[in-house]
Amino acid sequence: AGVDFGGAGMRFRGATGVIYTGGYSQPITIDASSLSLNGNSGGNVAVGTSTATNILTVETPSNAKGIDFTVSGVKIGSLERATVGSAVSMSLEGATGRPVSINNTNTSNVLIANGGGNVGIGTTSPSTALNVYAASGASGSVATFDSAYGSGGFTTYRDMSAASVTRGYVGYGPTLFTGGATGTFGLRSQGSLA
């Protein structure tokens, strides 16, 4: 039925290729400087399922199940299953008191919804490319745009259907309004202003 390794501590069930310890109830620890799974055959690895559909497949049977990231045994975040509305989805979660960071040290561009779809902040049903919702009890400020540039800051509006022609700006400072003071705020149009 199997082969014992180290007494009754570990068994290998040859007919099914299963390695288990203590009647399946004890964890298996692998102590090595490096570990290669299917390194030569180019196969896939599955966790929680016998069907590996990609290089690594993790079966998540219920919400909040997935992959934890820890430092010295302390959880700092996780990639886990979540239900959004009626759809089972994937969620990147930060641990309590720990923010989730994207490109924390790398200066490469970050692409979100590059294949289509909308981005929602504070809402699970965004209706525009960027939909920001301030929940009840918020201070009234929906979004904040900060600029560390000494000559002001502004947002640019471009017409992507017309070869990225700039249509106007909203912001402050002499960079946007020639001769204006640093605190000058307003709208600058590149064409007719209705």
Protein backbone atom coordinates (compact mmCIF):
# COMPACT_ATOMS: atom_id res chain seq x y z
CA ALA A 1 0.00 0.00 0.00
CA GLY A 2 2.96 2.30 0.37
CA VAL A 3 6.55 2.80 1.50
CA ASP A 4 7.58 4.18 4.89
CA PHE A 5 10.32 6.80 5.16
CA GLY A 6 11.77 7.30 8.62
CA GLY A 7 9.52 4.80 10.38
CA ALA A 8 5.84 5.65 10.39
CA GLY A 9 6.47 9.37 9.94
CA MET A 10 6.02 9.60 6.15
CA ARG A 11 4.48 7.30 3.58
CA PHE A 12 4.52 7.30 -0.20
CA ARG A 13 1.47 5.73 -1.82
CA GLY A 14 2.83 4.50 -5.10
CA ALA A 15 -0.48 3.74 -6.81
CA THR A 16 -1.67 7.36 -6.57
CA GLY A 17 1.60 9.23 -6.15
CA VAL A 18 0.53 10.70 -2.79
CA ILE A 19 3.03 11.61 -0.07
CA TYR A 20 1.50 12.07 3.38
CA THR A 21 2.43 12.12 7.04
CA GLY A 22 0.59 11.10 10.17
CA GLY A 23 -2.55 10.01 8.36
CA TYR A 24 -2.72 13.21 6.27
CA SER A 25 -2.98 15.37 9.42
CA GLN A 26 0.63 16.56 9.76
CA PRO A 27 2.37 19.13 7.55
CA ILE A 28 5.32 18.16 5.35
CA THR A 29 8.35 20.44 5.71
CA ILE A 30 10.98 20.54 2.97
CA ASP A 31 14.29 21.96 4.15
CA ALA A 32 16.50 22.77 1.18
CA SER A 33 18.41 25.71 -0.27
CA SER A 34 16.30 25.43 -3.43
CA LEU A 35 13.27 23.46 -4.53
CA SER A 36 12.28 22.60 -8.08
CA LEU A 37 8.85 21.15 -8.89
CA ASN A 38 8.52 19.66 -12.35
CA GLY A 39 11.71 21.50 -13.20
CA ASN A 40 12.77 19.14 -15.95
CA SER A 41 9.40 18.15 -17.39
CA GLY A 42 7.91 21.65 -17.57
CA GLY A 43 4.68 20.54 -15.85
CA ASN A 44 2.29 22.52 -13.64
CA VAL A 45 1.77 22.65 -9.88
CA ALA A 46 -1.63 22.56 -8.15
CA VAL A 47 -2.50 23.49 -4.54
CA GLY A 48 -5.85 22.40 -3.13
CA THR A 49 -6.85 20.64 -6.34
CA SER A 50 -5.64 17.79 -8.51
CA THR A 51 -6.13 19.82 -11.70
CA ALA A 52 -3.33 22.24 -12.56
CA THR A 53 -4.50 24.59 -15.32
CA ASN A 54 -1.44 26.87 -15.26
CA ILE A 55 2.15 26.90 -13.94
CA LEU A 56 0.64 27.40 -10.46
CA THR A 57 -3.03 26.76 -9.73
CA VAL A 58 -4.46 27.51 -6.27
CA GLU A 59 -7.99 26.29 -5.51
CA THR A 60 -9.88 28.69 -3.21
CA PRO A 61 -12.97 26.90 -1.82
CA SER A 62 -14.35 29.92 0.05
CA ASN A 63 -13.86 33.66 0.50
CA ALA A 64 -10.70 34.91 2.24
CA LYS A 65 -8.84 31.80 1.07
CA GLY A 66 -5.77 32.20 -1.10
CA ILE A 67 -2.09 33.06 -0.69
CA ASP A 68 -0.71 34.87 2.38
CA PHE A 69 2.48 36.96 2.37
CA THR A 70 4.24 37.04 5.74
CA VAL A 71 7.36 38.49 7.34
CA SER A 72 8.70 36.61 10.38
CA GLY A 73 5.34 34.92 10.71
CA VAL A 74 3.36 38.19 10.58
CA LYS A 75 0.86 38.55 7.74
CA ILE A 76 1.46 41.63 5.58
CA GLY A 77 -1.02 40.95 2.81
CA SER A 78 -2.77 38.31 0.75
CA LEU A 79 -4.11 37.38 -2.66
CA GLU A 80 -7.47 35.81 -2.01
CA ARG A 81 -10.95 34.99 -3.21
CA ALA A 82 -13.71 37.55 -2.72
CA THR A 83 -17.32 37.99 -3.84
CA VAL A 84 -18.13 41.32 -5.50
CA GLY A 85 -21.87 41.57 -6.03
CA SER A 86 -22.73 38.10 -7.29
CA ALA A 87 -19.37 37.44 -8.98
CA VAL A 88 -16.56 35.43 -7.41
CA SER A 89 -13.41 37.51 -7.93
CA MET A 90 -9.77 37.84 -6.93
CA SER A 91 -8.76 40.42 -4.34
CA LEU A 92 -5.37 41.82 -3.35
CA GLU A 93 -5.69 42.53 0.37
CA GLY A 94 -3.41 44.45 2.70
CA ALA A 95 -3.20 43.38 6.33
CA THR A 96 -4.62 45.71 9.00
CA GLY A 97 -2.49 48.83 9.21
CA ARG A 98 -0.46 47.88 6.13
CA PRO A 99 -1.12 49.66 2.81
CA VAL A 100 -1.12 47.89 -0.55
CA SER A 101 1.59 49.34 -2.79
CA ILE A 102 2.03 49.05 -6.55
CA ASN A 103 5.43 49.96 -8.03
CA ASN A 104 6.77 51.08 -4.68
CA THR A 105 10.38 51.40 -5.91
CA ASN A 106 10.15 50.75 -9.66
CA THR A 107 9.60 53.74 -11.96
CA SER A 108 7.85 51.77 -14.73
CA ASN A 109 4.34 52.74 -15.83
CA VAL A 110 1.35 51.13 -14.11
CA LEU A 111 -1.45 50.03 -16.44
CA ILE A 112 -4.98 49.51 -15.07
CA ALA A 113 -7.91 48.28 -17.18
CA ASN A 114 -5.67 48.52 -20.26
CA GLY A 115 -7.80 45.89 -22.00
CA GLY A 116 -11.04 47.79 -21.38
CA GLY A 117 -13.51 48.18 -18.54
CA ASN A 118 -13.84 50.91 -15.92
CA VAL A 119 -12.04 51.65 -12.65
CA GLY A 120 -14.03 52.21 -9.48
CA ILE A 121 -12.81 53.80 -6.24
CA GLY A 122 -15.30 53.37 -3.43
CA THR A 123 -17.80 51.66 -5.75
CA THR A 124 -18.23 48.15 -7.16
CA SER A 125 -20.15 49.36 -10.23
CA PRO A 126 -18.13 52.09 -12.00
CA SER A 127 -20.07 53.64 -14.89
CA THR A 128 -17.23 55.68 -16.43
CA ALA A 129 -13.52 55.13 -17.12
CA LEU A 130 -12.84 56.42 -13.60
CA ASN A 131 -15.70 56.50 -11.11
CA VAL A 132 -14.88 57.90 -7.65
CA TYR A 133 -17.55 57.60 -4.96
CA ALA A 134 -17.29 59.31 -1.57
CA ALA A 135 -19.21 57.23 0.95
CA SER A 136 -21.71 58.76 3.35
CA GLY A 137 -19.93 60.51 6.18
CA ALA A 138 -16.97 61.59 4.05
CA SER A 139 -15.65 65.14 4.45
CA GLY A 140 -17.12 66.24 1.11
CA SER A 141 -13.84 66.09 -0.84
CA VAL A 142 -14.19 63.43 -3.53
CA ALA A 143 -10.62 63.55 -4.87
CA THR A 144 -7.40 65.47 -4.19
CA PHE A 145 -4.72 66.35 -6.75
CA ASP A 146 -1.38 67.33 -5.22
CA SER A 147 1.51 68.95 -7.09
CA ALA A 148 5.05 69.40 -5.79
CA TYR A 149 5.94 71.50 -8.84
CA GLY A 150 6.78 75.04 -7.75
CA SER A 151 5.12 76.72 -10.75
CA GLY A 152 1.71 75.13 -10.24
CA GLY A 153 -0.10 72.02 -11.34
CA PHE A 154 -2.91 71.11 -13.71
CA THR A 155 -4.86 68.31 -15.34
CA THR A 156 -4.90 67.98 -19.14
CA TYR A 157 -7.92 67.03 -21.26
CA ARG A 158 -7.09 65.45 -24.62
CA ASP A 159 -9.31 64.31 -27.50
CA MET A 160 -8.11 60.79 -28.32
CA SER A 161 -10.45 60.62 -31.34
CA ALA A 162 -8.55 63.51 -32.92
CA ALA A 163 -4.92 62.36 -32.71
CA SER A 164 -4.64 63.25 -29.00
CA VAL A 165 -5.38 66.95 -29.55
CA THR A 166 -5.32 68.87 -26.26
CA ARG A 167 -8.65 70.61 -25.63
CA GLY A 168 -8.01 72.30 -22.32
CA TYR A 169 -6.57 72.37 -18.82
CA VAL A 170 -7.79 72.87 -15.27
CA GLY A 171 -5.28 73.91 -12.66
CA TYR A 172 -3.25 76.72 -11.12
CA GLY A 173 0.02 78.63 -11.39
CA PRO A 174 2.05 80.59 -13.96
CA THR A 175 2.89 77.49 -16.02
CA LEU A 176 -0.79 77.25 -17.01
CA PHE A 177 -1.65 80.96 -16.91
CA THR A 178 1.15 83.10 -18.35
CA GLY A 179 1.97 85.91 -15.97
CA GLY A 180 -0.36 84.58 -13.31
CA ALA A 181 0.58 84.24 -9.70
CA THR A 182 1.36 80.84 -8.18
CA GLY A 183 -2.06 80.77 -6.53
CA THR A 184 -4.03 81.63 -9.71
CA PHE A 185 -6.61 78.90 -10.40
CA GLY A 186 -8.82 78.51 -13.43
CA LEU A 187 -9.65 76.79 -16.72
CA ARG A 188 -7.63 77.28 -19.89
CA SER A 189 -9.15 76.33 -23.23
CA GLN A 190 -7.25 75.45 -26.41
CA GLY A 191 -10.29 76.32 -28.50
CA SER A 192 -13.73 77.85 -28.08
CA LEU A 193 -14.95 78.01 -24.51
CA ALA A 194 -18.69 77.47 -24.16
